[in-house]
């Protein structure tokens, strides 16, 4: 689970350094994809406290429902900082934004992000299952130790 987040963040950070130039080398207006990459780069270096504050600010924005770009940003925040929200809501936001975009580059970017988020969710579910199994095994081991202590004390 963690490695996917790291790889996704590395890819986004690496792409953030790209600058699009026209034939006459004048800067082209930043695309939505580039805006998202820049946001991701800025968010990833924030402290936990600042991430938490930004998450609250995004959650309180009324424009969030009507602005797919803001919803994608919030989904990214959830991927990087799980305290920002639920993965299933983040995935839904990404899918909704993908349906509403006319930008092919952004559509491909969102498709990749959806796949990554689904993988993170699946890995998180598997991790929870293993933790439950480990806890059950630990409880059984503790019971066996207790029985062993009881038997040892009766033998002495």
Protein backbone atom coordinates (compact mmCIF):
# COMPACT_ATOMS: atom_id res chain seq x y z
CA UNK A 1 0.00 0.00 0.00
CA UNK A 2 2.69 2.49 0.97
CA UNK A 3 4.87 1.73 -2.05
CA UNK A 4 2.03 2.62 -4.44
CA UNK A 5 1.62 5.98 -2.74
CA UNK A 6 5.34 6.62 -2.95
CA UNK A 7 5.51 5.64 -6.62
CA UNK A 8 2.47 7.73 -7.47
CA UNK A 9 3.91 10.73 -5.63
CA UNK A 10 7.30 10.28 -7.32
CA UNK A 11 5.67 10.14 -10.74
CA UNK A 12 3.59 13.23 -10.04
CA UNK A 13 6.60 15.09 -8.63
CA UNK A 14 8.76 14.15 -11.61
CA UNK A 15 6.11 15.32 -14.05
CA UNK A 16 5.65 18.58 -12.18
CA UNK A 17 8.95 19.86 -13.53
CA UNK A 18 7.70 19.75 -17.13
CA UNK A 19 7.00 23.05 -18.87
CA UNK A 20 5.04 23.21 -22.12
CA UNK A 21 6.40 25.65 -24.72
CA UNK A 22 5.02 26.69 -28.09
CA UNK A 23 7.08 27.02 -31.28
CA UNK A 24 8.02 30.58 -30.40
CA UNK A 25 8.94 29.49 -26.85
CA UNK A 26 6.15 31.48 -25.20
CA UNK A 27 4.60 29.73 -22.22
CA UNK A 28 1.28 28.01 -22.90
CA UNK A 29 -1.50 28.36 -20.35
CA UNK A 30 -1.22 25.66 -17.72
CA UNK A 31 -3.45 22.66 -18.41
CA UNK A 32 -5.72 21.12 -15.78
CA UNK A 33 -3.36 18.16 -15.62
CA UNK A 34 -0.41 20.46 -14.95
CA UNK A 35 -2.43 22.31 -12.28
CA UNK A 36 -3.14 18.99 -10.57
CA UNK A 37 0.49 17.92 -10.75
CA UNK A 38 1.61 21.23 -9.25
CA UNK A 39 -0.99 20.94 -6.49
CA UNK A 40 0.13 17.37 -5.75
CA UNK A 41 3.75 18.45 -5.51
CA UNK A 42 2.89 21.32 -3.14
CA UNK A 43 0.58 19.20 -0.96
CA UNK A 44 3.05 16.33 -0.62
CA UNK A 45 5.67 18.52 1.08
CA UNK A 46 3.30 20.03 3.66
CA UNK A 47 3.54 19.03 7.32
CA UNK A 48 0.82 16.77 8.73
CA UNK A 49 -0.74 19.71 10.56
CA UNK A 50 -0.94 21.81 7.39
CA UNK A 51 -2.33 18.83 5.43
CA UNK A 52 -5.02 18.38 8.09
CA UNK A 53 -5.97 22.08 7.89
CA UNK A 54 -6.08 22.00 4.10
CA UNK A 55 -8.30 18.91 4.22
CA UNK A 56 -10.77 20.70 6.50
CA UNK A 57 -10.77 23.74 4.21
CA UNK A 58 -11.51 21.59 1.16
CA UNK A 59 -14.29 19.72 2.98
CA UNK A 60 -15.98 23.01 3.86
CA UNK A 61 -15.93 24.41 0.33
CA UNK A 62 -19.39 24.58 -1.23
CA UNK A 63 -17.87 24.75 -4.72
CA UNK A 64 -16.46 21.25 -4.24
CA UNK A 65 -19.62 19.57 -5.54
CA UNK A 66 -19.68 21.58 -8.76
CA UNK A 67 -15.96 21.75 -9.50
CA UNK A 68 -14.42 18.49 -10.78
CA UNK A 69 -10.89 19.89 -10.46
CA UNK A 70 -11.39 20.54 -6.74
CA UNK A 71 -12.82 17.04 -6.32
CA UNK A 72 -9.74 15.55 -7.98
CA UNK A 73 -7.51 17.58 -5.66
CA UNK A 74 -9.44 16.28 -2.66
CA UNK A 75 -9.11 12.71 -3.95
CA UNK A 76 -5.36 13.16 -4.21
CA UNK A 77 -5.25 14.49 -0.64
CA UNK A 78 -7.05 11.34 0.54
CA UNK A 79 -4.52 9.14 -1.29
CA UNK A 80 -1.56 10.90 0.27
CA UNK A 81 -3.09 11.66 3.67
CA UNK A 82 -5.84 9.11 4.53
CA UNK A 83 -7.21 11.28 7.36
CA UNK A 84 -8.62 13.57 4.62
CA UNK A 85 -11.47 11.22 3.82
CA UNK A 86 -12.58 7.84 2.55
CA UNK A 87 -11.03 6.12 -0.43
CA UNK A 88 -14.35 5.05 -1.92
CA UNK A 89 -15.53 8.69 -1.99
CA UNK A 90 -12.21 9.76 -3.51
CA UNK A 91 -12.52 7.11 -6.23
CA UNK A 92 -16.08 8.23 -6.93
CA UNK A 93 -14.89 11.85 -7.23
CA UNK A 94 -12.22 10.81 -9.72
CA UNK A 95 -14.68 8.77 -11.79
CA UNK A 96 -17.14 11.67 -11.84
CA UNK A 97 -14.43 14.13 -12.89
CA UNK A 98 -13.30 11.75 -15.64
CA UNK A 99 -16.82 11.65 -17.06
CA UNK A 100 -17.10 15.44 -17.05
CA UNK A 101 -13.78 16.29 -18.69
CA UNK A 102 -13.30 17.05 -22.36
CA UNK A 103 -9.51 17.15 -21.99
CA UNK A 104 -8.07 13.85 -23.26
CA UNK A 105 -4.80 14.33 -21.36
CA UNK A 106 -6.71 14.85 -18.12
CA UNK A 107 -8.95 11.88 -18.85
CA UNK A 108 -5.91 9.60 -19.18
CA UNK A 109 -4.37 11.08 -16.04
CA UNK A 110 -7.61 10.45 -14.10
CA UNK A 111 -7.86 6.92 -15.45
CA UNK A 112 -4.40 6.20 -14.06
CA UNK A 113 -5.25 7.82 -10.72
CA UNK A 114 -8.46 5.77 -10.45
CA UNK A 115 -6.48 2.57 -11.02
CA UNK A 116 -3.94 3.58 -8.36
CA UNK A 117 -6.67 4.48 -5.85
CA UNK A 118 -8.49 1.18 -6.44
CA UNK A 119 -5.22 -0.65 -5.87
CA UNK A 120 -4.60 1.29 -2.64
CA UNK A 121 -8.14 0.44 -1.47
CA UNK A 122 -7.69 -3.26 -2.29
CA UNK A 123 -4.31 -3.37 -0.54
CA UNK A 124 -5.78 -1.61 2.48
CA UNK A 125 -8.60 -4.19 2.68
CA UNK A 126 -6.12 -7.07 2.41
CA UNK A 127 -3.95 -5.47 5.09
CA UNK A 128 -6.97 -5.19 7.40
CA UNK A 129 -7.74 -8.89 6.85
CA UNK A 130 -4.18 -9.86 7.74
CA UNK A 131 -4.27 -7.67 10.84
CA UNK A 132 -7.49 -9.38 11.96
CA UNK A 133 -5.97 -12.82 11.35
CA UNK A 134 -2.83 -11.83 13.25
CA UNK A 135 -4.90 -10.56 16.18
CA UNK A 136 -6.93 -13.79 16.27
CA UNK A 137 -3.73 -15.86 16.20
CA UNK A 138 -2.21 -13.70 18.96
CA UNK A 139 -5.35 -14.19 21.10
CA UNK A 140 -5.13 -17.97 20.64
CA UNK A 141 -1.45 -17.90 21.54
CA UNK A 142 -2.26 -15.91 24.70
CA UNK A 143 -4.91 -18.49 25.64
CA UNK A 144 -2.41 -21.31 25.15
CA UNK A 145 0.15 -19.47 27.31
CA UNK A 146 -2.48 -19.02 30.00
CA UNK A 147 -3.36 -22.72 29.93
CA UNK A 148 0.35 -23.60 30.05
CA UNK A 149 0.85 -21.37 33.11
CA UNK A 150 -2.14 -22.99 34.82
CA UNK A 151 -0.80 -26.49 34.12
CA UNK A 152 2.69 -25.53 35.28
CA UNK A 153 1.36 -24.06 38.52
CA UNK A 154 -0.68 -27.23 39.22
CA UNK A 155 2.38 -29.38 38.56
CA UNK A 156 4.49 -27.51 41.11
